[in-house]
C-alpha atoms as a PDB file:
ATOM      1  CA  UNK A   1     -18.141   0.360  -4.941  1.00  0.00           C
ATOM      2  CA  UNK A   2     -14.905  -0.144  -6.314  1.00  0.00           C
ATOM      3  CA  UNK A   3     -14.464   3.878  -6.902  1.00  0.00           C
ATOM      4  CA  UNK A   4     -14.830   4.034  -2.690  1.00  0.00           C
ATOM      5  CA  UNK A   5     -12.657   1.634  -1.792  1.00  0.00           C
ATOM      6  CA  UNK A   6      -9.865   3.054  -4.059  1.00  0.00           C
ATOM      7  CA  UNK A   7     -10.597   6.281  -2.533  1.00  0.00           C
ATOM      8  CA  UNK A   8     -10.417   4.870   0.988  1.00  0.00           C
ATOM      9  CA  UNK A   9      -7.221   3.260  -0.178  1.00  0.00           C
ATOM     10  CA  UNK A  10      -5.480   6.420  -1.316  1.00  0.00           C
ATOM     11  CA  UNK A  11      -6.374   8.022   1.393  1.00  0.00           C
ATOM     12  CA  UNK A  12      -4.947   5.239   3.549  1.00  0.00           C
ATOM     13  CA  UNK A  13      -1.361   5.092   1.808  1.00  0.00           C
ATOM     14  CA  UNK A  14      -1.480   9.146   2.127  1.00  0.00           C
ATOM     15  CA  UNK A  15      -1.180   8.399   6.043  1.00  0.00           C
ATOM     16  CA  UNK A  16       1.643   6.043   5.423  1.00  0.00           C
ATOM     17  CA  UNK A  17       3.801   8.130   2.884  1.00  0.00           C
ATOM     18  CA  UNK A  18       5.329  10.764   5.067  1.00  0.00           C
ATOM     19  CA  UNK A  19       7.181   7.593   6.845  1.00  0.00           C
ATOM     20  CA  UNK A  20       8.316   6.394   3.259  1.00  0.00           C
ATOM     21  CA  UNK A  21       9.097   9.431   1.673  1.00  0.00           C
ATOM     22  CA  UNK A  22      11.239  10.201   5.038  1.00  0.00           C
ATOM     23  CA  UNK A  23      13.411   7.780   3.601  1.00  0.00           C
ATOM     24  CA  UNK A  24      13.132   8.653   0.096  1.00  0.00           C
ATOM     25  CA  UNK A  25      10.556   6.080  -0.896  1.00  0.00           C
ATOM     26  CA  UNK A  26       7.089   5.907  -1.658  1.00  0.00           C
ATOM     27  CA  UNK A  27       4.058   3.705  -2.674  1.00  0.00           C
ATOM     28  CA  UNK A  28       1.753   3.823  -5.518  1.00  0.00           C
ATOM     29  CA  UNK A  29      -1.669   2.359  -5.945  1.00  0.00           C
ATOM     30  CA  UNK A  30      -1.411   0.030  -9.313  1.00  0.00           C
ATOM     31  CA  UNK A  31      -4.758  -2.123  -9.402  1.00  0.00           C
ATOM     32  CA  UNK A  32      -7.373  -2.946  -6.853  1.00  0.00           C
ATOM     33  CA  UNK A  33      -8.439  -6.532  -8.350  1.00  0.00           C
ATOM     34  CA  UNK A  34     -12.129  -8.195  -8.391  1.00  0.00           C
ATOM     35  CA  UNK A  35     -10.992 -10.224  -5.366  1.00  0.00           C
ATOM     36  CA  UNK A  36     -10.291  -7.093  -3.435  1.00  0.00           C
ATOM     37  CA  UNK A  37      -6.695  -7.606  -3.801  1.00  0.00           C
ATOM     38  CA  UNK A  38      -4.720  -4.335  -3.696  1.00  0.00           C
ATOM     39  CA  UNK A  39      -1.512  -4.249  -5.705  1.00  0.00           C
ATOM     40  CA  UNK A  40       1.010  -1.607  -4.934  1.00  0.00           C
ATOM     41  CA  UNK A  41       4.432  -0.242  -6.520  1.00  0.00           C
ATOM     42  CA  UNK A  42       7.470   0.762  -3.959  1.00  0.00           C
ATOM     43  CA  UNK A  43       9.286   3.372  -5.682  1.00  0.00           C
ATOM     44  CA  UNK A  44      12.280   5.741  -4.868  1.00  0.00           C
ATOM     45  CA  UNK A  45      14.561   3.886  -2.292  1.00  0.00           C
ATOM     46  CA  UNK A  46      11.959   1.966  -1.199  1.00  0.00           C
ATOM     47  CA  UNK A  47      12.294   0.006  -4.473  1.00  0.00           C
ATOM     48  CA  UNK A  48      15.301  -1.392  -3.524  1.00  0.00           C
ATOM     49  CA  UNK A  49      15.554  -1.362   0.398  1.00  0.00           C
ATOM     50  CA  UNK A  50      16.317  -4.906   1.837  1.00  0.00           C
ATOM     51  CA  UNK A  51      13.554  -4.271   4.315  1.00  0.00           C
ATOM     52  CA  UNK A  52      10.574  -3.472   1.537  1.00  0.00           C
ATOM     53  CA  UNK A  53       9.137  -6.770   2.377  1.00  0.00           C
ATOM     54  CA  UNK A  54       8.775  -5.853   5.953  1.00  0.00           C
ATOM     55  CA  UNK A  55       7.534  -2.477   5.389  1.00  0.00           C
ATOM     56  CA  UNK A  56       5.054  -4.007   2.921  1.00  0.00           C
ATOM     57  CA  UNK A  57       3.458  -6.431   5.140  1.00  0.00           C
ATOM     58  CA  UNK A  58       4.197  -4.974   8.623  1.00  0.00           C
ATOM     59  CA  UNK A  59       3.577  -1.664   7.872  1.00  0.00           C
ATOM     60  CA  UNK A  60       1.483  -1.257   4.548  1.00  0.00           C
ATOM     61  CA  UNK A  61      -0.574  -4.566   4.256  1.00  0.00           C
ATOM     62  CA  UNK A  62      -1.412  -4.129   8.050  1.00  0.00           C
ATOM     63  CA  UNK A  63      -2.638  -0.695   7.865  1.00  0.00           C
ATOM     64  CA  UNK A  64      -4.556  -1.285   4.638  1.00  0.00           C
ATOM     65  CA  UNK A  65      -6.177  -3.791   6.266  1.00  0.00           C
ATOM     66  CA  UNK A  66      -7.342  -1.853   9.347  1.00  0.00           C
ATOM     67  CA  UNK A  67      -8.566   0.687   7.537  1.00  0.00           C
ATOM     68  CA  UNK A  68     -10.354  -1.679   4.888  1.00  0.00           C
ATOM     69  CA  UNK A  69     -11.580  -4.693   6.170  1.00  0.00           C
ATOM     70  CA  UNK A  70     -12.904  -5.626   2.944  1.00  0.00           C
ATOM     71  CA  UNK A  71      -9.282  -6.252   1.408  1.00  0.00           C
ATOM     72  CA  UNK A  72      -8.325  -9.743   0.822  1.00  0.00           C
ATOM     73  CA  UNK A  73      -4.769  -9.089   0.455  1.00  0.00           C
ATOM     74  CA  UNK A  74      -1.462  -6.795  -0.778  1.00  0.00           C
ATOM     75  CA  UNK A  75       0.902  -7.217  -2.952  1.00  0.00           C
ATOM     76  CA  UNK A  76       4.154  -5.637  -4.387  1.00  0.00           C
ATOM     77  CA  UNK A  77       4.382  -5.820  -8.055  1.00  0.00           C
END
């Protein structure tokens, strides 16, 4: 099951990447925990952007939870 969820996460992230990459950033999936917590790493310009918290919560977390309701939360590491 976990591998199937990871594939869905990657698919959802791939749909968001063009927006991040347009600003010189990107996102990497680091881990999916047993508690269904998704741990992501913002890279490039996104890693130091003042708006990265908003990008993570309003954009990435909402998008992932919409695509994969089993996700409990999304955190940046």
